[in-house]
């Protein structure tokens, strides 16, 4: 499960976006977390998934100067939201390690 979390975060870091296909693969690969960990891990996995979907949605809404923009398009808002989600997701490598540590630390 920990490696799957690292994998989706790495994909997002590499591509600066989250594809629906990658997020669905992630969701499937960690579906047994409810049975293996305390509630904080499935909640964390859900948060990564939801924020990945949010990033994907903002990426879909984004328009550059060569594209026609919808009437109520707010470029600053779209860019700010993309940045917020991307920053949060790419900063999750250490928090993920900390969350999984109590389950994976075999030194005790």
Protein backbone atom coordinates (compact mmCIF):
# COMPACT_ATOMS: atom_id res chain seq x y z
CA UNK A 1 0.00 0.00 0.00
CA UNK A 2 2.81 2.38 0.90
CA UNK A 3 4.51 1.74 -2.42
CA UNK A 4 1.26 2.42 -4.27
CA UNK A 5 0.94 5.75 -2.48
CA UNK A 6 4.52 6.60 -3.44
CA UNK A 7 3.84 5.50 -7.02
CA UNK A 8 0.82 7.79 -7.53
CA UNK A 9 2.64 10.69 -5.89
CA UNK A 10 5.63 10.08 -8.20
CA UNK A 11 3.38 10.07 -11.26
CA UNK A 12 1.82 13.34 -10.16
CA UNK A 13 5.24 14.86 -9.46
CA UNK A 14 6.53 13.72 -12.87
CA UNK A 15 3.50 14.83 -14.91
CA UNK A 16 2.25 17.76 -12.77
CA UNK A 17 -1.20 16.29 -13.17
CA UNK A 18 -3.31 13.33 -12.16
CA UNK A 19 -5.02 11.35 -14.89
CA UNK A 20 -8.29 9.62 -14.12
CA UNK A 21 -6.79 6.35 -15.35
CA UNK A 22 -3.83 6.59 -12.95
CA UNK A 23 -6.09 7.56 -10.06
CA UNK A 24 -8.47 4.66 -10.72
CA UNK A 25 -5.52 2.24 -10.87
CA UNK A 26 -4.32 3.69 -7.58
CA UNK A 27 -7.77 3.37 -6.02
CA UNK A 28 -8.00 -0.28 -7.06
CA UNK A 29 -4.49 -1.12 -5.88
CA UNK A 30 -5.14 0.22 -2.36
CA UNK A 31 -8.72 -1.00 -1.99
CA UNK A 32 -7.82 -3.44 0.80
CA UNK A 33 -6.39 -0.74 3.07
CA UNK A 34 -9.57 -0.80 5.19
CA UNK A 35 -8.76 -4.37 6.22
CA UNK A 36 -5.04 -3.96 6.85
CA UNK A 37 -4.60 -0.63 8.63
CA UNK A 38 -6.23 1.61 11.17
CA UNK A 39 -8.72 4.20 9.91
CA UNK A 40 -6.08 6.91 9.41
CA UNK A 41 -4.55 5.11 6.40
CA UNK A 42 -7.77 4.63 4.40
CA UNK A 43 -8.71 8.24 5.22
CA UNK A 44 -5.30 9.43 4.00
CA UNK A 45 -5.58 7.33 0.83
CA UNK A 46 -9.05 8.80 0.19
CA UNK A 47 -7.64 12.29 0.65
CA UNK A 48 -4.86 11.64 -1.87
CA UNK A 49 -7.42 10.24 -4.32
CA UNK A 50 -9.83 13.18 -3.87
CA UNK A 51 -7.11 15.80 -4.15
CA UNK A 52 -5.78 14.02 -7.23
CA UNK A 53 -9.25 14.21 -8.76
CA UNK A 54 -9.39 17.91 -7.87
CA UNK A 55 -6.04 18.48 -9.55
CA UNK A 56 -7.28 16.63 -12.62
CA UNK A 57 -10.45 18.74 -12.71
CA UNK A 58 -8.47 21.99 -12.51
CA UNK A 59 -6.15 20.74 -15.24
CA UNK A 60 -9.19 20.07 -17.43
CA UNK A 61 -10.52 23.58 -16.82
CA UNK A 62 -7.17 25.26 -17.55
CA UNK A 63 -6.97 27.23 -20.80
CA UNK A 64 -3.85 28.82 -22.23
CA UNK A 65 -3.69 31.86 -24.51
CA UNK A 66 -4.22 29.74 -27.64
CA UNK A 67 -7.54 28.30 -26.42
CA UNK A 68 -11.01 29.78 -26.33
CA UNK A 69 -12.11 30.43 -22.77
CA UNK A 70 -15.62 29.96 -21.41
CA UNK A 71 -17.52 33.13 -20.51
CA UNK A 72 -16.97 32.92 -16.74
CA UNK A 73 -13.44 31.50 -16.91
CA UNK A 74 -11.22 32.78 -14.09
CA UNK A 75 -7.63 32.04 -15.10
CA UNK A 76 -6.12 33.13 -11.79
CA UNK A 77 -8.49 30.94 -9.79
CA UNK A 78 -7.80 27.92 -11.99
CA UNK A 79 -4.02 28.42 -11.74
CA UNK A 80 -4.18 29.01 -7.98
CA UNK A 81 -6.25 25.87 -7.40
CA UNK A 82 -3.99 23.77 -9.63
CA UNK A 83 -0.98 25.06 -7.73
CA UNK A 84 -2.60 24.39 -4.34
CA UNK A 85 -3.45 20.77 -5.18
CA UNK A 86 -0.16 20.05 -6.94
CA UNK A 87 1.83 21.51 -4.04
CA UNK A 88 -0.10 19.49 -1.45
CA UNK A 89 0.26 16.24 -3.40
CA UNK A 90 3.96 16.65 -4.15
CA UNK A 91 4.67 17.41 -0.50
CA UNK A 92 3.18 14.10 0.68
CA UNK A 93 6.25 11.86 0.46
CA UNK A 94 7.36 12.51 4.05
CA UNK A 95 3.86 12.60 5.57
CA UNK A 96 3.10 9.26 3.86
CA UNK A 97 6.24 7.75 5.32
CA UNK A 98 5.26 9.00 8.77
CA UNK A 99 1.70 7.68 8.50
CA UNK A 100 2.80 4.20 7.40
CA UNK A 101 5.80 3.97 9.76
CA UNK A 102 3.94 2.43 12.69
CA UNK A 103 2.70 -0.37 10.44
CA UNK A 104 5.91 -1.01 8.52
CA UNK A 105 8.65 -0.44 11.11
CA UNK A 106 9.97 -3.93 11.85
CA UNK A 107 12.65 -2.73 14.29
CA UNK A 108 10.27 -3.10 17.23
